Amino acid sequence: MPKGKIYRILGLLIDINEKNFNWYDACSICNNKVYYNVGQVICYKCHKNDVQIIQGVALTITIKDSSGSMRLILFNKQIEYLLRSTISEVKEWIEPVNEGSKLKEKCQLSLYNAYVFTKFLQVRILLYYPTKSIL
C-alpha cells in the first residue's frame, strides 16, 4: 500500500453537484475505470484483460467543518449510502424524461447532515536534478 495518511473528518454536507454525475465503465472486481484496447477491456488496477463491466459513477460534494470547507469525490458505494438508493435508481432519476425531481429530493434530504468522511492522502515527492552540460 502506498505511504500516506488517513484522515477522518466530521463534516456537514453543504453542497451536492446533482447535475454533474460522471458515468463511466468500471471493472466488476475493483470498481476502477476500464480502458478499451483493440477489442479488449483492460483494468490496469487488477492487471486483467477482458474483465466484466459494470456502471461506475462519480459525484462531487462539498463538506464543511470548523476549519473550512473541502470538495470530495464520491463513488458508487458512497453515493448509494448518501442518497439511500441504488445506482440503478439514481440513473433512472437522471434520465431527461424524469426531470430529476426525485434526485433533487434525495439530494435535499442529504444536505446539512453531519457525516464522517475518511480521506486517504498520499504525498508524492518528485526529485528534480538539473542536468549539467559538460563541454
N, C-alpha and C. Protein backbone atom coordinates (compact mmCIF):
# COMPACT_ATOMS: atom_id res chain seq x y z
N MET A 1 0.85 -1.18 0.00
CA MET A 1 0.00 0.00 0.00
C MET A 1 0.89 1.24 0.00
N PRO A 2 0.54 2.27 -0.79
CA PRO A 2 1.37 3.46 -0.83
C PRO A 2 1.37 4.18 0.51
N LYS A 3 2.47 4.86 0.77
CA LYS A 3 2.57 5.60 2.02
C LYS A 3 1.68 6.84 1.94
N GLY A 4 1.07 7.16 3.04
CA GLY A 4 0.19 8.30 3.11
C GLY A 4 -0.47 8.32 4.47
N LYS A 5 -1.41 9.21 4.64
CA LYS A 5 -2.12 9.32 5.90
C LYS A 5 -3.61 9.21 5.65
N ILE A 6 -4.29 8.63 6.61
CA ILE A 6 -5.74 8.54 6.55
C ILE A 6 -6.30 9.56 7.53
N TYR A 7 -7.21 10.40 7.04
CA TYR A 7 -7.84 11.41 7.87
C TYR A 7 -9.33 11.11 7.96
N ARG A 8 -9.89 11.29 9.13
CA ARG A 8 -11.33 11.19 9.31
C ARG A 8 -11.84 12.59 9.63
N ILE A 9 -12.85 12.99 8.89
CA ILE A 9 -13.36 14.34 9.01
C ILE A 9 -14.84 14.27 9.34
N LEU A 10 -15.24 14.92 10.42
CA LEU A 10 -16.66 15.06 10.73
C LEU A 10 -17.09 16.36 10.07
N GLY A 11 -17.87 16.23 9.02
CA GLY A 11 -18.23 17.42 8.25
C GLY A 11 -19.71 17.48 7.95
N LEU A 12 -20.15 18.68 7.73
CA LEU A 12 -21.53 18.96 7.36
C LEU A 12 -21.60 19.02 5.84
N LEU A 13 -22.47 18.24 5.25
CA LEU A 13 -22.62 18.23 3.79
C LEU A 13 -23.36 19.50 3.39
N ILE A 14 -22.69 20.39 2.64
CA ILE A 14 -23.31 21.66 2.29
C ILE A 14 -23.67 21.80 0.82
N ASP A 15 -23.11 20.93 -0.05
CA ASP A 15 -23.45 21.03 -1.46
C ASP A 15 -23.27 19.69 -2.16
N ILE A 16 -24.25 19.35 -2.99
CA ILE A 16 -24.16 18.19 -3.87
C ILE A 16 -24.36 18.71 -5.28
N ASN A 17 -23.40 18.45 -6.13
CA ASN A 17 -23.50 18.89 -7.51
C ASN A 17 -24.33 17.87 -8.29
N GLU A 18 -25.65 17.94 -8.11
CA GLU A 18 -26.55 16.92 -8.66
C GLU A 18 -26.62 16.89 -10.18
N LYS A 19 -26.14 17.95 -10.82
CA LYS A 19 -26.17 17.99 -12.29
C LYS A 19 -24.88 17.42 -12.89
N ASN A 20 -23.97 16.97 -12.04
CA ASN A 20 -22.68 16.53 -12.54
C ASN A 20 -22.34 15.11 -12.10
N PHE A 21 -23.22 14.17 -12.41
CA PHE A 21 -22.90 12.77 -12.19
C PHE A 21 -22.04 12.32 -13.36
N ASN A 22 -20.86 11.80 -13.09
CA ASN A 22 -19.96 11.34 -14.16
C ASN A 22 -20.01 9.83 -14.24
N TRP A 23 -20.59 9.33 -15.32
CA TRP A 23 -20.76 7.89 -15.51
C TRP A 23 -19.59 7.34 -16.32
N TYR A 24 -19.16 6.14 -15.99
CA TYR A 24 -18.05 5.50 -16.70
C TYR A 24 -18.18 3.99 -16.60
N ASP A 25 -17.49 3.29 -17.49
CA ASP A 25 -17.44 1.83 -17.43
C ASP A 25 -16.38 1.43 -16.42
N ALA A 26 -16.75 0.53 -15.50
CA ALA A 26 -15.85 0.15 -14.41
C ALA A 26 -15.66 -1.37 -14.37
N CYS A 27 -14.57 -1.77 -13.74
CA CYS A 27 -14.25 -3.18 -13.53
C CYS A 27 -15.17 -3.74 -12.44
N SER A 28 -15.73 -4.92 -12.68
CA SER A 28 -16.64 -5.52 -11.71
C SER A 28 -15.90 -6.02 -10.46
N ILE A 29 -14.58 -6.17 -10.54
CA ILE A 29 -13.80 -6.67 -9.40
C ILE A 29 -13.40 -5.53 -8.46
N CYS A 30 -12.83 -4.45 -9.02
CA CYS A 30 -12.28 -3.38 -8.17
C CYS A 30 -12.99 -2.03 -8.32
N ASN A 31 -13.94 -1.92 -9.23
CA ASN A 31 -14.71 -0.69 -9.48
C ASN A 31 -13.90 0.45 -10.08
N ASN A 32 -12.68 0.19 -10.53
CA ASN A 32 -11.90 1.24 -11.20
C ASN A 32 -12.29 1.33 -12.67
N LYS A 33 -11.99 2.45 -13.27
CA LYS A 33 -12.29 2.68 -14.68
C LYS A 33 -11.54 1.67 -15.55
N VAL A 34 -12.24 1.17 -16.57
CA VAL A 34 -11.60 0.25 -17.51
C VAL A 34 -11.26 1.01 -18.79
N TYR A 35 -10.34 0.44 -19.54
CA TYR A 35 -9.89 1.04 -20.79
C TYR A 35 -10.07 0.03 -21.91
N TYR A 36 -10.29 0.54 -23.10
CA TYR A 36 -10.50 -0.31 -24.27
C TYR A 36 -9.28 -0.26 -25.16
N ASN A 37 -8.81 -1.44 -25.57
CA ASN A 37 -7.63 -1.51 -26.43
C ASN A 37 -7.80 -2.69 -27.39
N VAL A 38 -7.95 -2.39 -28.65
CA VAL A 38 -8.07 -3.40 -29.71
C VAL A 38 -9.08 -4.51 -29.34
N GLY A 39 -10.28 -4.10 -29.01
CA GLY A 39 -11.33 -5.06 -28.73
C GLY A 39 -11.27 -5.71 -27.35
N GLN A 40 -10.30 -5.35 -26.54
CA GLN A 40 -10.19 -5.90 -25.19
C GLN A 40 -10.57 -4.84 -24.17
N VAL A 41 -11.12 -5.30 -23.07
CA VAL A 41 -11.42 -4.43 -21.94
C VAL A 41 -10.34 -4.69 -20.90
N ILE A 42 -9.60 -3.64 -20.53
CA ILE A 42 -8.44 -3.80 -19.65
C ILE A 42 -8.64 -3.01 -18.35
N CYS A 43 -8.35 -3.67 -17.23
CA CYS A 43 -8.31 -3.00 -15.93
C CYS A 43 -6.86 -2.94 -15.49
N TYR A 44 -6.35 -1.72 -15.38
CA TYR A 44 -4.95 -1.57 -15.01
C TYR A 44 -4.69 -1.81 -13.52
N LYS A 45 -5.72 -1.69 -12.70
CA LYS A 45 -5.53 -1.95 -11.27
C LYS A 45 -5.48 -3.45 -10.99
N CYS A 46 -6.40 -4.21 -11.59
CA CYS A 46 -6.42 -5.67 -11.40
C CYS A 46 -5.39 -6.38 -12.28
N HIS A 47 -4.87 -5.68 -13.26
CA HIS A 47 -3.93 -6.26 -14.24
C HIS A 47 -4.58 -7.43 -14.98
N LYS A 48 -5.84 -7.23 -15.39
CA LYS A 48 -6.55 -8.28 -16.10
C LYS A 48 -7.11 -7.74 -17.41
N ASN A 49 -7.24 -8.65 -18.38
CA ASN A 49 -7.86 -8.32 -19.66
C ASN A 49 -9.24 -8.95 -19.71
N ASP A 50 -10.11 -8.37 -20.49
CA ASP A 50 -11.48 -8.87 -20.69
C ASP A 50 -12.23 -9.06 -19.38
N VAL A 51 -12.25 -8.03 -18.55
CA VAL A 51 -12.99 -8.07 -17.29
C VAL A 51 -14.47 -7.76 -17.55
N GLN A 52 -15.31 -8.15 -16.62
CA GLN A 52 -16.73 -7.81 -16.69
C GLN A 52 -16.89 -6.32 -16.42
N ILE A 53 -17.83 -5.69 -17.10
CA ILE A 53 -18.03 -4.25 -16.96
C ILE A 53 -19.29 -3.98 -16.15
N ILE A 54 -19.19 -3.02 -15.23
CA ILE A 54 -20.35 -2.50 -14.52
C ILE A 54 -20.39 -1.00 -14.72
N GLN A 55 -21.49 -0.39 -14.36
CA GLN A 55 -21.62 1.07 -14.49
C GLN A 55 -21.04 1.72 -13.25
N GLY A 56 -20.07 2.61 -13.44
CA GLY A 56 -19.48 3.37 -12.35
C GLY A 56 -19.94 4.81 -12.41
N VAL A 57 -19.94 5.46 -11.27
CA VAL A 57 -20.37 6.86 -11.23
C VAL A 57 -19.54 7.60 -10.19
N ALA A 58 -19.29 8.87 -10.47
CA ALA A 58 -18.58 9.75 -9.54
C ALA A 58 -19.41 11.02 -9.36
N LEU A 59 -19.36 11.59 -8.16
CA LEU A 59 -20.14 12.77 -7.83
C LEU A 59 -19.32 13.67 -6.92
N THR A 60 -19.31 14.96 -7.21
CA THR A 60 -18.57 15.92 -6.38
C THR A 60 -19.51 16.53 -5.34
N ILE A 61 -19.03 16.55 -4.09
CA ILE A 61 -19.78 17.17 -3.00
C ILE A 61 -18.87 18.17 -2.28
N THR A 62 -19.45 19.02 -1.47
CA THR A 62 -18.69 19.95 -0.64
C THR A 62 -19.10 19.73 0.81
N ILE A 63 -18.10 19.59 1.67
CA ILE A 63 -18.36 19.46 3.11
C ILE A 63 -17.69 20.61 3.84
N LYS A 64 -18.16 20.86 5.05
CA LYS A 64 -17.64 21.97 5.85
C LYS A 64 -17.50 21.51 7.30
N ASP A 65 -16.41 21.96 7.92
CA ASP A 65 -16.25 21.74 9.36
C ASP A 65 -15.76 23.05 9.97
N SER A 66 -15.30 23.00 11.21
CA SER A 66 -14.90 24.24 11.89
C SER A 66 -13.67 24.90 11.28
N SER A 67 -12.88 24.14 10.51
CA SER A 67 -11.65 24.71 9.94
C SER A 67 -11.83 25.21 8.51
N GLY A 68 -12.94 24.89 7.87
CA GLY A 68 -13.16 25.34 6.49
C GLY A 68 -13.98 24.34 5.71
N SER A 69 -13.89 24.43 4.39
CA SER A 69 -14.65 23.52 3.54
C SER A 69 -13.72 22.82 2.56
N MET A 70 -14.18 21.69 2.05
CA MET A 70 -13.40 20.97 1.04
C MET A 70 -14.34 20.22 0.12
N ARG A 71 -13.87 19.99 -1.09
CA ARG A 71 -14.63 19.22 -2.08
C ARG A 71 -14.11 17.80 -2.08
N LEU A 72 -15.02 16.86 -2.18
CA LEU A 72 -14.68 15.44 -2.23
C LEU A 72 -15.38 14.80 -3.43
N ILE A 73 -14.79 13.75 -3.93
CA ILE A 73 -15.42 12.98 -4.99
C ILE A 73 -15.88 11.66 -4.39
N LEU A 74 -17.17 11.38 -4.52
CA LEU A 74 -17.73 10.12 -4.04
C LEU A 74 -17.93 9.18 -5.22
N PHE A 75 -17.86 7.88 -4.94
CA PHE A 75 -18.07 6.87 -5.98
C PHE A 75 -19.25 5.98 -5.58
N ASN A 76 -19.50 4.94 -6.34
CA ASN A 76 -20.71 4.13 -6.26
C ASN A 76 -21.25 3.89 -4.85
N LYS A 77 -20.49 3.19 -4.02
CA LYS A 77 -20.99 2.79 -2.70
C LYS A 77 -21.27 4.00 -1.81
N GLN A 78 -20.41 5.02 -1.89
CA GLN A 78 -20.63 6.22 -1.08
C GLN A 78 -21.89 6.96 -1.53
N ILE A 79 -22.12 7.00 -2.85
CA ILE A 79 -23.31 7.67 -3.38
C ILE A 79 -24.57 6.91 -2.97
N GLU A 80 -24.51 5.59 -3.04
CA GLU A 80 -25.66 4.78 -2.61
C GLU A 80 -25.97 5.03 -1.14
N TYR A 81 -24.94 5.12 -0.30
CA TYR A 81 -25.15 5.37 1.13
C TYR A 81 -25.74 6.76 1.34
N LEU A 82 -25.17 7.75 0.68
CA LEU A 82 -25.59 9.14 0.86
C LEU A 82 -27.04 9.35 0.43
N LEU A 83 -27.42 8.80 -0.71
CA LEU A 83 -28.76 9.01 -1.25
C LEU A 83 -29.75 7.92 -0.83
N ARG A 84 -29.24 6.90 -0.12
CA ARG A 84 -30.06 5.78 0.34
C ARG A 84 -30.85 5.16 -0.82
N SER A 85 -30.12 4.94 -1.91
CA SER A 85 -30.71 4.39 -3.13
C SER A 85 -29.65 3.62 -3.88
N THR A 86 -30.09 2.77 -4.80
CA THR A 86 -29.12 2.06 -5.62
C THR A 86 -28.68 2.94 -6.79
N ILE A 87 -27.55 2.58 -7.39
CA ILE A 87 -27.05 3.34 -8.53
C ILE A 87 -28.02 3.25 -9.70
N SER A 88 -28.66 2.11 -9.90
CA SER A 88 -29.62 1.99 -11.00
C SER A 88 -30.83 2.92 -10.78
N GLU A 89 -31.26 3.10 -9.54
CA GLU A 89 -32.35 4.05 -9.26
C GLU A 89 -31.90 5.47 -9.57
N VAL A 90 -30.69 5.81 -9.17
CA VAL A 90 -30.16 7.15 -9.43
C VAL A 90 -30.10 7.41 -10.94
N LYS A 91 -29.65 6.41 -11.69
CA LYS A 91 -29.56 6.56 -13.14
C LYS A 91 -30.94 6.81 -13.75
N GLU A 92 -31.96 6.12 -13.26
CA GLU A 92 -33.33 6.34 -13.74
C GLU A 92 -33.79 7.77 -13.45
N TRP A 93 -33.45 8.28 -12.28
CA TRP A 93 -33.89 9.62 -11.89
C TRP A 93 -33.24 10.70 -12.74
N ILE A 94 -32.05 10.40 -13.27
CA ILE A 94 -31.31 11.40 -14.04
C ILE A 94 -31.83 11.51 -15.47
N GLU A 95 -32.47 10.47 -15.97
CA GLU A 95 -32.96 10.50 -17.35
C GLU A 95 -33.76 11.78 -17.60
N PRO A 96 -33.58 12.40 -18.77
CA PRO A 96 -34.24 13.68 -19.06
C PRO A 96 -35.77 13.64 -18.94
N VAL A 97 -36.37 12.48 -19.20
CA VAL A 97 -37.83 12.38 -19.12
C VAL A 97 -38.32 12.62 -17.69
N ASN A 98 -37.53 12.17 -16.72
CA ASN A 98 -37.96 12.27 -15.32
C ASN A 98 -37.69 13.63 -14.69
N GLU A 99 -37.00 14.51 -15.38
CA GLU A 99 -36.70 15.88 -14.95
C GLU A 99 -35.94 15.95 -13.63
N GLY A 100 -35.48 14.84 -13.09
CA GLY A 100 -34.63 14.84 -11.91
C GLY A 100 -35.30 15.25 -10.62
N SER A 101 -36.64 15.27 -10.55
CA SER A 101 -37.30 15.73 -9.33
C SER A 101 -37.03 14.80 -8.14
N LYS A 102 -37.03 13.48 -8.38
CA LYS A 102 -36.75 12.51 -7.30
C LYS A 102 -35.30 12.65 -6.84
N LEU A 103 -34.40 12.83 -7.80
CA LEU A 103 -32.99 13.01 -7.47
C LEU A 103 -32.79 14.27 -6.64
N LYS A 104 -33.41 15.36 -7.03
CA LYS A 104 -33.30 16.62 -6.29
C LYS A 104 -33.82 16.45 -4.87
N GLU A 105 -34.92 15.73 -4.72
CA GLU A 105 -35.50 15.48 -3.40
C GLU A 105 -34.52 14.68 -2.52
N LYS A 106 -33.92 13.62 -3.09
CA LYS A 106 -32.97 12.79 -2.34
C LYS A 106 -31.74 13.61 -1.93
N CYS A 107 -31.26 14.46 -2.83
CA CYS A 107 -30.10 15.30 -2.52
C CYS A 107 -30.43 16.29 -1.41
N GLN A 108 -31.62 16.88 -1.47
CA GLN A 108 -32.03 17.84 -0.44
C GLN A 108 -32.11 17.18 0.94
N LEU A 109 -32.57 15.92 0.98
CA LEU A 109 -32.67 15.21 2.26
C LEU A 109 -31.29 14.94 2.86
N SER A 110 -30.26 14.82 2.01
CA SER A 110 -28.91 14.52 2.50
C SER A 110 -28.16 15.78 2.94
N LEU A 111 -28.57 16.94 2.42
CA LEU A 111 -27.87 18.19 2.75
C LEU A 111 -28.02 18.56 4.22
N TYR A 112 -27.01 19.24 4.73
CA TYR A 112 -26.96 19.78 6.09
C TYR A 112 -27.08 18.71 7.17
N ASN A 113 -26.63 17.51 6.83
CA ASN A 113 -26.47 16.44 7.80
C ASN A 113 -24.98 16.24 8.01
N ALA A 114 -24.61 15.79 9.20
CA ALA A 114 -23.19 15.54 9.50
C ALA A 114 -22.85 14.10 9.13
N TYR A 115 -21.69 13.95 8.51
CA TYR A 115 -21.18 12.64 8.11
C TYR A 115 -19.71 12.56 8.50
N VAL A 116 -19.22 11.35 8.71
CA VAL A 116 -17.79 11.14 8.91
C VAL A 116 -17.21 10.67 7.59
N PHE A 117 -16.28 11.44 7.06
CA PHE A 117 -15.63 11.10 5.80
C PHE A 117 -14.21 10.64 6.10
N THR A 118 -13.79 9.58 5.43
CA THR A 118 -12.43 9.09 5.55
C THR A 118 -11.72 9.42 4.26
N LYS A 119 -10.59 10.11 4.38
CA LYS A 119 -9.84 10.55 3.21
C LYS A 119 -8.41 10.07 3.32
N PHE A 120 -7.96 9.36 2.29
CA PHE A 120 -6.57 8.91 2.22
C PHE A 120 -5.80 9.92 1.39
N LEU A 121 -4.80 10.52 1.97
CA LEU A 121 -3.97 11.49 1.25
C LEU A 121 -2.59 10.90 1.05
N GLN A 122 -2.16 10.92 -0.17
CA GLN A 122 -0.84 10.42 -0.49
C GLN A 122 -0.01 11.58 -1.02
N VAL A 123 1.14 11.75 -0.44
CA VAL A 123 2.03 12.81 -0.87
C VAL A 123 3.12 12.20 -1.74
N ARG A 124 3.27 12.75 -2.90
CA ARG A 124 4.32 12.28 -3.80
C ARG A 124 5.40 13.35 -3.87
N ILE A 125 6.60 12.93 -3.66
CA ILE A 125 7.73 13.85 -3.73
C ILE A 125 8.48 13.57 -5.01
N LEU A 126 8.56 14.57 -5.84
CA LEU A 126 9.29 14.43 -7.10
C LEU A 126 10.65 15.09 -6.94
N LEU A 127 11.68 14.37 -7.22
CA LEU A 127 13.02 14.92 -7.11
C LEU A 127 13.45 15.45 -8.47
N TYR A 128 14.01 16.61 -8.45
CA TYR A 128 14.44 17.25 -9.69
C TYR A 128 15.95 17.45 -9.61
N TYR A 129 16.64 16.86 -10.53
CA TYR A 129 18.08 17.03 -10.62
C TYR A 129 18.40 17.73 -11.94
N PRO A 130 18.80 18.98 -11.87
CA PRO A 130 19.13 19.66 -13.13
C PRO A 130 20.34 18.99 -13.80
N THR A 131 20.26 18.89 -15.08
CA THR A 131 21.36 18.28 -15.81
C THR A 131 22.46 19.30 -16.01
N LYS A 132 23.68 18.83 -15.91
CA LYS A 132 24.84 19.70 -16.13
C LYS A 132 25.45 19.33 -17.48
N SER A 133 25.65 20.34 -18.25
CA SER A 133 26.28 20.05 -19.53
C SER A 133 27.79 20.14 -19.36
N ILE A 134 28.45 19.16 -19.86
CA ILE A 134 29.90 19.14 -19.76
C ILE A 134 30.45 19.44 -21.14
N LEU A 135 31.09 20.57 -21.24
CA LEU A 135 31.69 20.97 -22.53
C LEU A 135 33.17 21.12 -22.40
